[in-house]
Amino acid sequence: MVEKYFYICHMEIVKVEGNSSIPKYKQIVVSIEEAISNGSLKKGDKLPSLNSVKNEYDLSRDTVLMAFNELKTRGIAKSIVGKGYYIVSEEIGVIQKIFLMFDELNSFKEDLYKSFLSSLGENVQVDIFFHHFNHDVFRKLIYDNVGSYSSYVIMPANLEGAAEVIDRLPKDKVYILDQTNEELSEYPSIYQNFQKNIFNGLKDSLSLLQKYAKLILVFPPEKQPKGIRIGFELFCKEYAIANEVVSSIKGRRLEKGDAYLLLDDENLLRLIKSMKEENLLLAEDIGVISYNDTLLKEIVSGGITVISTDFEVMGARLAEIIIGNEHVQIENPNKLIIRNSL
C-alpha cells in the first residue's frame, strides 16, 4: 500500500491512498475532518494550499478544489482571496449547509421556517437572511455567499432584476420560494399562485361579499405580489363588484357597507382600531378578508376570514425537494377560511 502524507506544524493533515476505492477528493475531506476531530486543526487554522496538495499527491487541481469546496459548502472551511482556505467551524457533523433568504419575518413565515427545519432531519445547518424588499441588500447577501452553501433557498418577492442576481449562484443548488416568474422558471420552486388564489378565494366568498357596497383592496405595491392585484381586478370585473385599490388605510375614513381585502397585519390592526373608534361593527358595518392565516386572525375580533396557503405544508415540501434533489415546480395549496368578519 502506497501512502503519501502532508505535514503542517509537524502534524499529519492530508493523506491520500493511491489504491483506495474511496475517491481521492473524498479522502482529502475525510483526512481534514479527522484532523479537526483529533485537534490537529482548529478554527482559524489555515489549510494546505491547493497547489501543495496537488503536487504532493500528483492530483488534478480540480480534485483538490472539489474537496475544499465540499468543506466550504458545509461551512467547515472558508476561502479568502489571495490567502487560501481557513477552518471556520469544527462542526464536522454538518453534511448540508443551507442559505435561506426571506423577504421579511412574520408569523406565517415563522411557521414555514419551523416546518422546514423540522422536516430536514439531522446534520443540516440553515442560515437565515432577510432582504426587506431592498434590491441592494438582496444582491449583497447573494454575492457575499456564492459558493459557501450546499443549497440556496431564495424568496425573491417582487424585486426587479432578481433573476440576474440569482444567476450568480450554481443553478443546481438554487430553490425558489413563495413567488416565482418566467425569468426564474428554470429553477425548482414551491410557490403561491397569487392571481388564481385571490380570484378563487373571492369567488368562493361571493355570496357574502354581495351584501357590501364596495370591495377595497389595500395593496402596498412595494411589497405585495402583482398577481394579487390582477386577480382582484379580474374578479371585480367578472362579477361586477364596485371596487377600489389603495396603498394604505392610514388616515382613511371608514364607510358603512365597505368590505376590505387586507394583505398585512399592520393594516388589519389599524382597520380594527379605526372601527372601534368610529363605533362600527365587524361584518355588519365593515367586512374584512385578510391574506395568510395566523393564530392572531383566528381569535382577534371573533375571527378574521382569510385566503391562505398552508405554510407548514410549504416548509415540509421544500425540505423534501432539497433532500431528494427534485427539479420540480410545485404550486402550494390555498383555501378560503370563513370566519366572523364577513
C-alpha atoms as a PDB file:
ATOM      1  CA  MET A   1       0.000   0.000   0.000  1.00  0.00           C
ATOM      2  CA  VAL A   2       1.375   3.377  -1.017  1.00  0.00           C
ATOM      3  CA  GLU A   3       0.528   6.387   1.127  1.00  0.00           C
ATOM      4  CA  LYS A   4       1.724   9.951   0.965  1.00  0.00           C
ATOM      5  CA  TYR A   5       1.445  12.460   3.766  1.00  0.00           C
ATOM      6  CA  PHE A   6       1.334  16.209   4.029  1.00  0.00           C
ATOM      7  CA  TYR A   7       2.654  17.730   7.225  1.00  0.00           C
ATOM      8  CA  ILE A   8       1.827  21.116   8.668  1.00  0.00           C
ATOM      9  CA  CYS A   9       3.282  22.181  12.012  1.00  0.00           C
ATOM     10  CA  HIS A  10       4.847  18.675  12.101  1.00  0.00           C
ATOM     11  CA  MET A  11       1.405  17.057  12.175  1.00  0.00           C
ATOM     12  CA  GLU A  12      -0.247  14.904   9.539  1.00  0.00           C
ATOM     13  CA  ILE A  13      -3.158  16.729   7.929  1.00  0.00           C
ATOM     14  CA  VAL A  14      -3.934  15.300   4.480  1.00  0.00           C
ATOM     15  CA  LYS A  15      -3.425  11.746   3.311  1.00  0.00           C
ATOM     16  CA  VAL A  16      -4.375  10.008   0.088  1.00  0.00           C
ATOM     17  CA  GLU A  17      -4.106   6.299  -0.695  1.00  0.00           C
ATOM     18  CA  GLY A  18      -3.479   5.657  -4.361  1.00  0.00           C
ATOM     19  CA  ASN A  19      -5.164   2.241  -4.434  1.00  0.00           C
ATOM     20  CA  SER A  20      -8.200   3.074  -2.301  1.00  0.00           C
ATOM     21  CA  SER A  21     -11.735   2.631  -3.655  1.00  0.00           C
ATOM     22  CA  ILE A  22     -12.680   5.930  -1.980  1.00  0.00           C
ATOM     23  CA  PRO A  23     -12.483   8.886  -4.419  1.00  0.00           C
ATOM     24  CA  LYS A  24      -9.380  10.959  -3.841  1.00  0.00           C
ATOM     25  CA  TYR A  25     -11.299  14.166  -3.209  1.00  0.00           C
ATOM     26  CA  LYS A  26     -13.284  12.354  -0.510  1.00  0.00           C
ATOM     27  CA  GLN A  27     -10.083  11.098   1.100  1.00  0.00           C
ATOM     28  CA  ILE A  28      -8.903  14.692   1.388  1.00  0.00           C
ATOM     29  CA  VAL A  29     -12.204  15.694   3.028  1.00  0.00           C
ATOM     30  CA  VAL A  30     -12.117  12.777   5.465  1.00  0.00           C
ATOM     31  CA  SER A  31      -8.497  13.397   6.449  1.00  0.00           C
ATOM     32  CA  ILE A  32      -9.243  17.056   7.212  1.00  0.00           C
ATOM     33  CA  GLU A  33     -12.308  16.013   9.226  1.00  0.00           C
ATOM     34  CA  GLU A  34     -10.110  13.616  11.190  1.00  0.00           C
ATOM     35  CA  ALA A  35      -7.548  16.367  11.794  1.00  0.00           C
ATOM     36  CA  ILE A  36     -10.302  18.590  13.189  1.00  0.00           C
ATOM     37  CA  SER A  37     -11.663  15.735  15.283  1.00  0.00           C
ATOM     38  CA  ASN A  38      -8.273  14.918  16.867  1.00  0.00           C
ATOM     39  CA  GLY A  39      -7.366  18.562  17.409  1.00  0.00           C
ATOM     40  CA  SER A  40      -4.657  18.821  14.757  1.00  0.00           C
ATOM     41  CA  LEU A  41      -6.734  21.521  13.050  1.00  0.00           C
ATOM     42  CA  LYS A  42      -8.708  24.132  14.906  1.00  0.00           C
ATOM     43  CA  LYS A  43     -10.928  27.052  13.993  1.00  0.00           C
ATOM     44  CA  GLY A  44      -8.775  29.763  12.408  1.00  0.00           C
ATOM     45  CA  ASP A  45      -6.046  27.391  11.154  1.00  0.00           C
ATOM     46  CA  LYS A  46      -5.004  27.619   7.530  1.00  0.00           C
ATOM     47  CA  LEU A  47      -5.335  24.573   5.300  1.00  0.00           C
ATOM     48  CA  PRO A  48      -2.558  23.432   2.992  1.00  0.00           C
ATOM     49  CA  SER A  49      -2.683  25.254  -0.334  1.00  0.00           C
ATOM     50  CA  LEU A  50      -4.385  23.715  -3.350  1.00  0.00           C
ATOM     51  CA  ASN A  51      -1.114  23.500  -5.212  1.00  0.00           C
ATOM     52  CA  SER A  52       0.797  21.888  -2.340  1.00  0.00           C
ATOM     53  CA  VAL A  53      -1.778  19.086  -2.022  1.00  0.00           C
ATOM     54  CA  LYS A  54      -1.967  18.740  -5.802  1.00  0.00           C
ATOM     55  CA  ASN A  55       1.796  18.400  -6.170  1.00  0.00           C
ATOM     56  CA  GLU A  56       2.277  16.162  -3.128  1.00  0.00           C
ATOM     57  CA  TYR A  57      -0.176  13.559  -4.413  1.00  0.00           C
ATOM     58  CA  ASP A  58       0.086  14.098  -8.157  1.00  0.00           C
ATOM     59  CA  LEU A  59      -3.597  15.057  -8.343  1.00  0.00           C
ATOM     60  CA  SER A  60      -5.503  17.332 -10.676  1.00  0.00           C
ATOM     61  CA  ARG A  61      -6.274  20.774  -9.329  1.00  0.00           C
ATOM     62  CA  ASP A  62      -9.991  20.061  -9.840  1.00  0.00           C
ATOM     63  CA  THR A  63      -9.808  17.066  -7.496  1.00  0.00           C
ATOM     64  CA  VAL A  64      -8.345  19.149  -4.672  1.00  0.00           C
ATOM     65  CA  LEU A  65     -10.736  22.008  -5.393  1.00  0.00           C
ATOM     66  CA  MET A  66     -13.700  19.626  -5.203  1.00  0.00           C
ATOM     67  CA  ALA A  67     -12.607  18.548  -1.731  1.00  0.00           C
ATOM     68  CA  PHE A  68     -12.073  22.091  -0.493  1.00  0.00           C
ATOM     69  CA  ASN A  69     -15.370  23.225  -1.986  1.00  0.00           C
ATOM     70  CA  GLU A  70     -17.237  20.458  -0.148  1.00  0.00           C
ATOM     71  CA  LEU A  71     -15.723  21.674   3.102  1.00  0.00           C
ATOM     72  CA  LYS A  72     -16.695  25.190   2.111  1.00  0.00           C
ATOM     73  CA  THR A  73     -20.329  24.400   1.277  1.00  0.00           C
ATOM     74  CA  ARG A  74     -20.677  22.559   4.572  1.00  0.00           C
ATOM     75  CA  GLY A  75     -19.434  25.630   6.417  1.00  0.00           C
ATOM     76  CA  ILE A  76     -16.252  23.979   7.695  1.00  0.00           C
ATOM     77  CA  ALA A  77     -13.798  26.000   5.598  1.00  0.00           C
ATOM     78  CA  LYS A  78     -13.781  29.433   4.024  1.00  0.00           C
ATOM     79  CA  SER A  79     -11.670  30.812   1.201  1.00  0.00           C
ATOM     80  CA  ILE A  80     -10.048  34.234   1.428  1.00  0.00           C
ATOM     81  CA  VAL A  81      -8.928  35.710  -1.876  1.00  0.00           C
ATOM     82  CA  GLY A  82      -5.167  35.806  -2.128  1.00  0.00           C
ATOM     83  CA  LYS A  83      -4.656  33.965   1.161  1.00  0.00           C
ATOM     84  CA  GLY A  84      -6.152  30.485   0.878  1.00  0.00           C
ATOM     85  CA  TYR A  85      -8.565  28.320   2.844  1.00  0.00           C
ATOM     86  CA  TYR A  86      -9.140  28.520   6.596  1.00  0.00           C
ATOM     87  CA  ILE A  87     -11.091  26.431   9.106  1.00  0.00           C
ATOM     88  CA  VAL A  88     -14.125  28.434  10.252  1.00  0.00           C
ATOM     89  CA  SER A  89     -16.106  25.693  12.011  1.00  0.00           C
ATOM     90  CA  GLU A  90     -15.237  22.490  13.832  1.00  0.00           C
ATOM     91  CA  GLU A  91     -18.782  21.120  13.350  1.00  0.00           C
ATOM     92  CA  ILE A  92     -17.799  18.265  11.036  1.00  0.00           C
ATOM     93  CA  GLY A  93     -21.159  16.538  11.565  1.00  0.00           C
ATOM     94  CA  VAL A  94     -22.888  19.092   9.309  1.00  0.00           C
ATOM     95  CA  ILE A  95     -23.497  17.428   5.951  1.00  0.00           C
ATOM     96  CA  GLN A  96     -25.542  20.231   4.392  1.00  0.00           C
ATOM     97  CA  LYS A  97     -25.463  23.968   4.912  1.00  0.00           C
ATOM     98  CA  ILE A  98     -28.477  25.839   3.546  1.00  0.00           C
ATOM     99  CA  PHE A  99     -28.755  29.536   2.731  1.00  0.00           C
ATOM    100  CA  LEU A 100     -32.372  30.637   3.331  1.00  0.00           C
ATOM    101  CA  MET A 101     -33.389  34.161   2.323  1.00  0.00           C
ATOM    102  CA  PHE A 102     -36.792  35.581   3.276  1.00  0.00           C
ATOM    103  CA  ASP A 103     -38.120  38.990   2.315  1.00  0.00           C
ATOM    104  CA  GLU A 104     -39.174  39.668   5.924  1.00  0.00           C
ATOM    105  CA  LEU A 105     -40.124  37.723   9.029  1.00  0.00           C
ATOM    106  CA  ASN A 106     -43.728  37.487  10.154  1.00  0.00           C
ATOM    107  CA  SER A 107     -45.781  34.903  11.964  1.00  0.00           C
ATOM    108  CA  PHE A 108     -46.758  32.804   8.951  1.00  0.00           C
ATOM    109  CA  LYS A 109     -43.192  32.748   7.605  1.00  0.00           C
ATOM    110  CA  GLU A 110     -42.093  31.639  11.049  1.00  0.00           C
ATOM    111  CA  ASP A 111     -44.485  28.684  10.655  1.00  0.00           C
ATOM    112  CA  LEU A 112     -42.901  27.935   7.279  1.00  0.00           C
ATOM    113  CA  TYR A 113     -39.399  28.148   8.765  1.00  0.00           C
ATOM    114  CA  LYS A 114     -40.185  25.836  11.697  1.00  0.00           C
ATOM    115  CA  SER A 115     -41.811  23.288   9.387  1.00  0.00           C
ATOM    116  CA  PHE A 116     -38.822  23.427   7.044  1.00  0.00           C
ATOM    117  CA  LEU A 117     -36.322  22.874   9.873  1.00  0.00           C
ATOM    118  CA  SER A 118     -38.258  20.001  11.446  1.00  0.00           C
ATOM    119  CA  SER A 119     -38.515  18.224   8.066  1.00  0.00           C
ATOM    120  CA  LEU A 120     -34.818  18.436   7.146  1.00  0.00           C
ATOM    121  CA  GLY A 121     -33.577  15.888   9.647  1.00  0.00           C
ATOM    122  CA  GLU A 122     -30.246  15.894  11.423  1.00  0.00           C
ATOM    123  CA  ASN A 123     -26.846  17.261  10.418  1.00  0.00           C
ATOM    124  CA  VAL A 124     -28.254  20.153   8.390  1.00  0.00           C
ATOM    125  CA  GLN A 125     -27.434  23.766   9.191  1.00  0.00           C
ATOM    126  CA  VAL A 126     -29.760  26.530   7.988  1.00  0.00           C
ATOM    127  CA  ASP A 127     -28.613  30.159   7.992  1.00  0.00           C
ATOM    128  CA  ILE A 128     -31.470  32.641   7.551  1.00  0.00           C
ATOM    129  CA  PHE A 129     -31.188  36.080   5.943  1.00  0.00           C
ATOM    130  CA  PHE A 130     -33.650  38.902   5.153  1.00  0.00           C
ATOM    131  CA  HIS A 131     -33.549  41.356   2.253  1.00  0.00           C
ATOM    132  CA  HIS A 132     -36.520  43.506   3.420  1.00  0.00           C
ATOM    133  CA  PHE A 133     -37.515  44.220  -0.219  1.00  0.00           C
ATOM    134  CA  ASN A 134     -34.233  46.088  -0.762  1.00  0.00           C
ATOM    135  CA  HIS A 135     -32.523  45.149  -4.027  1.00  0.00           C
ATOM    136  CA  ASP A 136     -29.067  46.272  -2.841  1.00  0.00           C
ATOM    137  CA  VAL A 137     -29.336  44.126   0.298  1.00  0.00           C
ATOM    138  CA  PHE A 138     -30.640  41.221  -1.800  1.00  0.00           C
ATOM    139  CA  ARG A 139     -27.706  41.457  -4.202  1.00  0.00           C
ATOM    140  CA  LYS A 140     -25.063  41.834  -1.487  1.00  0.00           C
ATOM    141  CA  LEU A 141     -26.296  38.881   0.545  1.00  0.00           C
ATOM    142  CA  ILE A 142     -26.193  36.620  -2.502  1.00  0.00           C
ATOM    143  CA  TYR A 143     -22.873  37.884  -3.874  1.00  0.00           C
ATOM    144  CA  ASP A 144     -21.215  37.575  -0.448  1.00  0.00           C
ATOM    145  CA  ASN A 145     -22.279  33.942  -0.105  1.00  0.00           C
ATOM    146  CA  VAL A 146     -21.628  32.478  -3.562  1.00  0.00           C
ATOM    147  CA  GLY A 147     -20.031  29.059  -3.121  1.00  0.00           C
ATOM    148  CA  SER A 148     -20.458  28.939   0.658  1.00  0.00           C
ATOM    149  CA  TYR A 149     -23.580  26.732   0.836  1.00  0.00           C
ATOM    150  CA  SER A 150     -24.773  23.382  -0.456  1.00  0.00           C
ATOM    151  CA  SER A 151     -28.239  24.819  -1.246  1.00  0.00           C
ATOM    152  CA  TYR A 152     -29.736  28.287  -1.683  1.00  0.00           C
ATOM    153  CA  VAL A 153     -33.424  28.904  -0.946  1.00  0.00           C
ATOM    154  CA  ILE A 154     -34.442  32.325  -2.236  1.00  0.00           C
ATOM    155  CA  MET A 155     -37.663  34.238  -1.634  1.00  0.00           C
ATOM    156  CA  PRO A 156     -37.275  36.919  -4.328  1.00  0.00           C
ATOM    157  CA  ALA A 157     -40.583  38.675  -3.558  1.00  0.00           C
ATOM    158  CA  ASN A 158     -41.355  41.257  -6.252  1.00  0.00           C
ATOM    159  CA  LEU A 159     -37.792  42.572  -6.666  1.00  0.00           C
ATOM    160  CA  GLU A 160     -36.957  43.676 -10.181  1.00  0.00           C
ATOM    161  CA  GLY A 161     -33.822  42.074 -11.606  1.00  0.00           C
ATOM    162  CA  ALA A 162     -33.786  39.248  -9.054  1.00  0.00           C
ATOM    163  CA  ALA A 163     -33.117  36.621 -11.737  1.00  0.00           C
ATOM    164  CA  GLU A 164     -29.946  38.379 -12.864  1.00  0.00           C
ATOM    165  CA  VAL A 165     -28.591  38.361  -9.303  1.00  0.00           C
ATOM    166  CA  ILE A 166     -29.586  34.740  -8.638  1.00  0.00           C
ATOM    167  CA  ASP A 167     -27.806  33.757 -11.856  1.00  0.00           C
ATOM    168  CA  ARG A 168     -24.508  34.198  -9.983  1.00  0.00           C
ATOM    169  CA  LEU A 169     -25.320  31.097  -7.914  1.00  0.00           C
ATOM    170  CA  PRO A 170     -24.787  27.472  -9.060  1.00  0.00           C
ATOM    171  CA  LYS A 171     -28.006  26.644 -10.912  1.00  0.00           C
ATOM    172  CA  ASP A 172     -28.253  23.141  -9.489  1.00  0.00           C
ATOM    173  CA  LYS A 173     -28.237  24.467  -5.925  1.00  0.00           C
ATOM    174  CA  VAL A 174     -30.985  27.124  -6.150  1.00  0.00           C
ATOM    175  CA  TYR A 175     -34.606  26.746  -4.992  1.00  0.00           C
ATOM    176  CA  ILE A 176     -37.230  29.487  -5.368  1.00  0.00           C
ATOM    177  CA  LEU A 177     -39.751  30.004  -2.602  1.00  0.00           C
ATOM    178  CA  ASP A 178     -43.212  31.643  -2.469  1.00  0.00           C
ATOM    179  CA  GLN A 179     -43.032  33.898  -5.559  1.00  0.00           C
ATOM    180  CA  THR A 180     -41.714  32.934  -8.959  1.00  0.00           C
ATOM    181  CA  ASN A 181     -41.950  34.226 -12.526  1.00  0.00           C
ATOM    182  CA  GLU A 182     -40.942  33.312 -16.071  1.00  0.00           C
ATOM    183  CA  GLU A 183     -37.374  34.538 -15.549  1.00  0.00           C
ATOM    184  CA  LEU A 184     -36.986  32.080 -12.672  1.00  0.00           C
ATOM    185  CA  SER A 185     -38.776  29.141 -14.324  1.00  0.00           C
ATOM    186  CA  GLU A 186     -35.549  27.158 -14.800  1.00  0.00           C
ATOM    187  CA  TYR A 187     -35.221  26.666 -11.029  1.00  0.00           C
ATOM    188  CA  PRO A 188     -37.114  24.188  -8.848  1.00  0.00           C
ATOM    189  CA  SER A 189     -39.672  26.010  -6.725  1.00  0.00           C
ATOM    190  CA  ILE A 190     -42.607  25.805  -4.378  1.00  0.00           C
ATOM    191  CA  TYR A 191     -44.793  28.842  -4.818  1.00  0.00           C
ATOM    192  CA  GLN A 192     -48.148  30.528  -4.447  1.00  0.00           C
ATOM    193  CA  ASN A 193     -50.282  31.310  -7.491  1.00  0.00           C
ATOM    194  CA  PHE A 194     -51.393  34.684  -6.162  1.00  0.00           C
ATOM    195  CA  GLN A 195     -53.607  35.654  -9.081  1.00  0.00           C
ATOM    196  CA  LYS A 196     -55.556  32.394  -9.000  1.00  0.00           C
ATOM    197  CA  ASN A 197     -55.688  32.249  -5.202  1.00  0.00           C
ATOM    198  CA  ILE A 198     -57.197  35.714  -4.866  1.00  0.00           C
ATOM    199  CA  PHE A 199     -59.674  35.190  -7.693  1.00  0.00           C
ATOM    200  CA  ASN A 200     -60.863  31.810  -6.382  1.00  0.00           C
ATOM    201  CA  GLY A 201     -60.923  32.931  -2.751  1.00  0.00           C
ATOM    202  CA  LEU A 202     -63.074  35.957  -3.554  1.00  0.00           C
ATOM    203  CA  LYS A 203     -65.293  33.861  -5.819  1.00  0.00           C
ATOM    204  CA  ASP A 204     -65.889  31.362  -3.010  1.00  0.00           C
ATOM    205  CA  SER A 205     -66.927  34.235  -0.726  1.00  0.00           C
ATOM    206  CA  LEU A 206     -69.090  35.959  -3.375  1.00  0.00           C
ATOM    207  CA  SER A 207     -72.406  35.321  -1.620  1.00  0.00           C
ATOM    208  CA  LEU A 208     -71.075  37.073   1.494  1.00  0.00           C
ATOM    209  CA  LEU A 209     -69.415  39.916  -0.389  1.00  0.00           C
ATOM    210  CA  GLN A 210     -72.558  40.854  -2.311  1.00  0.00           C
ATOM    211  CA  LYS A 211     -74.099  42.433   0.788  1.00  0.00           C
ATOM    212  CA  TYR A 212     -71.407  45.167   0.714  1.00  0.00           C
ATOM    213  CA  ALA A 213     -71.435  48.262  -1.470  1.00  0.00           C
ATOM    214  CA  LYS A 214     -67.739  48.255  -2.337  1.00  0.00           C
ATOM    215  CA  LEU A 215     -64.728  45.947  -2.090  1.00  0.00           C
ATOM    216  CA  ILE A 216     -61.452  47.715  -1.288  1.00  0.00           C
ATOM    217  CA  LEU A 217     -58.020  46.148  -1.804  1.00  0.00           C
ATOM    218  CA  VAL A 218     -55.289  47.604   0.423  1.00  0.00           C
ATOM    219  CA  PHE A 219     -52.243  46.988  -1.741  1.00  0.00           C
ATOM    220  CA  PRO A 220     -48.785  48.382  -0.841  1.00  0.00           C
ATOM    221  CA  PRO A 221     -47.105  47.837  -4.254  1.00  0.00           C
ATOM    222  CA  GLU A 222     -43.538  47.845  -2.953  1.00  0.00           C
ATOM    223  CA  LYS A 223     -44.106  44.623  -1.010  1.00  0.00           C
ATOM    224  CA  GLN A 224     -47.059  42.727  -2.420  1.00  0.00           C
ATOM    225  CA  PRO A 225     -47.120  40.338  -5.405  1.00  0.00           C
ATOM    226  CA  LYS A 226     -48.558  41.871  -8.578  1.00  0.00           C
ATOM    227  CA  GLY A 227     -50.696  38.763  -9.083  1.00  0.00           C
ATOM    228  CA  ILE A 228     -52.838  39.710  -6.080  1.00  0.00           C
ATOM    229  CA  ARG A 229     -53.962  42.962  -7.702  1.00  0.00           C
ATOM    230  CA  ILE A 230     -54.502  41.260 -11.069  1.00  0.00           C
ATOM    231  CA  GLY A 231     -56.644  38.530  -9.503  1.00  0.00           C
ATOM    232  CA  PHE A 232     -58.621  41.122  -7.525  1.00  0.00           C
ATOM    233  CA  GLU A 233     -59.355  43.251 -10.593  1.00  0.00           C
ATOM    234  CA  LEU A 234     -60.329  40.237 -12.701  1.00  0.00           C
ATOM    235  CA  PHE A 235     -62.765  39.086 -10.022  1.00  0.00           C
ATOM    236  CA  CYS A 236     -64.358  42.526  -9.638  1.00  0.00           C
ATOM    237  CA  LYS A 237     -64.726  42.871 -13.403  1.00  0.00           C
ATOM    238  CA  GLU A 238     -66.238  39.422 -13.934  1.00  0.00           C
ATOM    239  CA  TYR A 239     -68.766  39.763 -11.110  1.00  0.00           C
ATOM    240  CA  ALA A 240     -69.436  43.495 -11.500  1.00  0.00           C
ATOM    241  CA  ILE A 241     -68.212  44.339  -7.994  1.00  0.00           C
ATOM    242  CA  ALA A 242     -67.670  48.025  -7.206  1.00  0.00           C
ATOM    243  CA  ASN A 243     -64.066  48.274  -6.100  1.00  0.00           C
ATOM    244  CA  GLU A 244     -61.111  50.450  -5.180  1.00  0.00           C
ATOM    245  CA  VAL A 245     -57.371  49.888  -4.704  1.00  0.00           C
ATOM    246  CA  VAL A 246     -55.488  51.900  -2.069  1.00  0.00           C
ATOM    247  CA  SER A 247     -51.946  51.593  -0.733  1.00  0.00           C
ATOM    248  CA  SER A 248     -52.881  52.048   2.948  1.00  0.00           C
ATOM    249  CA  ILE A 249     -55.855  52.746   5.187  1.00  0.00           C
ATOM    250  CA  LYS A 250     -53.855  55.195   7.287  1.00  0.00           C
ATOM    251  CA  GLY A 251     -55.903  58.361   7.599  1.00  0.00           C
ATOM    252  CA  ARG A 252     -58.818  56.865   5.657  1.00  0.00           C
ATOM    253  CA  ARG A 253     -62.383  57.472   6.858  1.00  0.00           C
ATOM    254  CA  LEU A 254     -64.319  54.223   7.018  1.00  0.00           C
ATOM    255  CA  GLU A 255     -67.740  53.972   5.376  1.00  0.00           C
ATOM    256  CA  LYS A 256     -70.508  51.593   6.310  1.00  0.00           C
ATOM    257  CA  GLY A 257     -71.070  48.987   3.616  1.00  0.00           C
ATOM    258  CA  ASP A 258     -67.431  48.687   2.585  1.00  0.00           C
ATOM    259  CA  ALA A 259     -65.513  45.405   2.628  1.00  0.00           C
ATOM    260  CA  TYR A 260     -61.712  45.307   2.785  1.00  0.00           C
ATOM    261  CA  LEU A 261     -59.187  42.837   1.458  1.00  0.00           C
ATOM    262  CA  LEU A 262     -56.096  43.328   3.630  1.00  0.00           C
ATOM    263  CA  LEU A 263     -52.706  41.770   2.901  1.00  0.00           C
ATOM    264  CA  ASP A 264     -50.671  42.627   6.006  1.00  0.00           C
ATOM    265  CA  ASP A 265     -51.201  42.644   9.762  1.00  0.00           C
ATOM    266  CA  GLU A 266     -50.390  46.334  10.154  1.00  0.00           C
ATOM    267  CA  ASN A 267     -53.318  47.486   8.009  1.00  0.00           C
ATOM    268  CA  LEU A 268     -55.582  44.852   9.556  1.00  0.00           C
ATOM    269  CA  LEU A 269     -54.930  46.052  13.102  1.00  0.00           C
ATOM    270  CA  ARG A 270     -55.189  49.693  12.017  1.00  0.00           C
ATOM    271  CA  LEU A 271     -58.594  48.951  10.466  1.00  0.00           C
ATOM    272  CA  ILE A 272     -59.887  47.193  13.591  1.00  0.00           C
ATOM    273  CA  LYS A 273     -58.664  50.087  15.746  1.00  0.00           C
ATOM    274  CA  SER A 274     -60.422  52.633  13.497  1.00  0.00           C
ATOM    275  CA  MET A 275     -63.633  50.618  13.577  1.00  0.00           C
ATOM    276  CA  LYS A 276     -63.659  50.673  17.365  1.00  0.00           C
ATOM    277  CA  GLU A 277     -63.007  54.407  17.405  1.00  0.00           C
ATOM    278  CA  GLU A 278     -65.886  55.011  14.961  1.00  0.00           C
ATOM    279  CA  ASN A 279     -68.245  52.505  16.652  1.00  0.00           C
ATOM    280  CA  LEU A 280     -68.506  50.341  13.536  1.00  0.00           C
ATOM    281  CA  LEU A 281     -69.326  46.638  13.788  1.00  0.00           C
ATOM    282  CA  LEU A 282     -67.235  43.969  12.073  1.00  0.00           C
ATOM    283  CA  ALA A 283     -69.163  42.054   9.399  1.00  0.00           C
ATOM    284  CA  GLU A 284     -72.335  44.116   9.916  1.00  0.00           C
ATOM    285  CA  ASP A 285     -70.901  47.541   9.004  1.00  0.00           C
ATOM    286  CA  ILE A 286     -67.490  46.644   7.592  1.00  0.00           C
ATOM    287  CA  GLY A 287     -66.464  43.341   6.019  1.00  0.00           C
ATOM    288  CA  VAL A 288     -62.898  42.054   6.214  1.00  0.00           C
ATOM    289  CA  ILE A 289     -60.909  39.402   4.376  1.00  0.00           C
ATOM    290  CA  SER A 290     -57.231  39.015   5.160  1.00  0.00           C
ATOM    291  CA  TYR A 291     -54.464  37.188   3.303  1.00  0.00           C
ATOM    292  CA  ASN A 292     -52.394  34.471   5.024  1.00  0.00           C
ATOM    293  CA  ASP A 293     -53.724  32.839   8.155  1.00  0.00           C
ATOM    294  CA  THR A 294     -52.197  33.256  11.615  1.00  0.00           C
ATOM    295  CA  LEU A 295     -53.204  32.369  15.151  1.00  0.00           C
ATOM    296  CA  LEU A 296     -53.954  36.051  15.720  1.00  0.00           C
ATOM    297  CA  LYS A 297     -56.529  36.039  12.913  1.00  0.00           C
ATOM    298  CA  GLU A 298     -58.267  33.021  14.408  1.00  0.00           C
ATOM    299  CA  ILE A 299     -59.069  34.903  17.624  1.00  0.00           C
ATOM    300  CA  VAL A 300     -58.994  38.676  17.027  1.00  0.00           C
ATOM    301  CA  SER A 301     -62.474  40.244  16.896  1.00  0.00           C
ATOM    302  CA  GLY A 302     -64.084  36.823  16.896  1.00  0.00           C
ATOM    303  CA  GLY A 303     -62.089  35.573  13.909  1.00  0.00           C
ATOM    304  CA  ILE A 304     -60.971  37.062  10.582  1.00  0.00           C
ATOM    305  CA  THR A 305     -61.870  35.444   7.265  1.00  0.00           C
ATOM    306  CA  VAL A 306     -58.707  34.597   5.332  1.00  0.00           C
ATOM    307  CA  ILE A 307     -57.480  33.463   1.952  1.00  0.00           C
ATOM    308  CA  SER A 308     -54.386  31.483   2.838  1.00  0.00           C
ATOM    309  CA  THR A 309     -51.823  28.989   1.685  1.00  0.00           C
ATOM    310  CA  ASP A 310     -50.616  26.286   4.079  1.00  0.00           C
ATOM    311  CA  PHE A 311     -47.171  27.409   5.188  1.00  0.00           C
ATOM    312  CA  GLU A 312     -46.458  24.244   7.168  1.00  0.00           C
ATOM    313  CA  VAL A 313     -47.055  22.182   4.027  1.00  0.00           C
ATOM    314  CA  MET A 314     -44.863  24.584   2.069  1.00  0.00           C
ATOM    315  CA  GLY A 315     -41.970  24.234   4.522  1.00  0.00           C
ATOM    316  CA  ALA A 316     -42.180  20.442   4.679  1.00  0.00           C
ATOM    317  CA  ARG A 317     -42.396  20.071   0.898  1.00  0.00           C
ATOM    318  CA  LEU A 318     -39.459  22.440   0.422  1.00  0.00           C
ATOM    319  CA  ALA A 319     -37.345  20.193   2.645  1.00  0.00           C
ATOM    320  CA  GLU A 320     -38.385  17.134   0.605  1.00  0.00           C
ATOM    321  CA  ILE A 321     -37.411  18.841  -2.648  1.00  0.00           C
ATOM    322  CA  ILE A 322     -33.940  19.690  -1.335  1.00  0.00           C
ATOM    323  CA  ILE A 323     -33.303  16.303   0.286  1.00  0.00           C
ATOM    324  CA  GLY A 324     -34.494  14.485  -2.834  1.00  0.00           C
ATOM    325  CA  ASN A 325     -32.747  16.886  -5.223  1.00  0.00           C
ATOM    326  CA  GLU A 326     -36.033  17.209  -7.120  1.00  0.00           C
ATOM    327  CA  HIS A 327     -36.259  19.578 -10.074  1.00  0.00           C
ATOM    328  CA  VAL A 328     -39.954  20.446  -9.831  1.00  0.00           C
ATOM    329  CA  GLN A 329     -42.213  23.480  -9.723  1.00  0.00           C
ATOM    330  CA  ILE A 330     -44.978  22.971  -7.166  1.00  0.00           C
ATOM    331  CA  GLU A 331     -47.983  25.204  -6.591  1.00  0.00           C
ATOM    332  CA  ASN A 332     -48.743  25.179  -2.877  1.00  0.00           C
ATOM    333  CA  PRO A 333     -52.399  24.557  -1.888  1.00  0.00           C
ATOM    334  CA  ASN A 334     -54.560  27.525  -0.944  1.00  0.00           C
ATOM    335  CA  LYS A 335     -58.046  27.873   0.563  1.00  0.00           C
ATOM    336  CA  LEU A 336     -60.654  30.281   1.889  1.00  0.00           C
ATOM    337  CA  ILE A 337     -61.413  30.057   5.608  1.00  0.00           C
ATOM    338  CA  ILE A 338     -64.704  31.738   6.508  1.00  0.00           C
ATOM    339  CA  ARG A 339     -64.893  33.352   9.957  1.00  0.00           C
ATOM    340  CA  ASN A 340     -66.937  36.080  11.625  1.00  0.00           C
ATOM    341  CA  SER A 341     -65.546  39.094   9.715  1.00  0.00           C
ATOM    342  CA  LEU A 342     -67.919  38.688   6.738  1.00  0.00           C
END
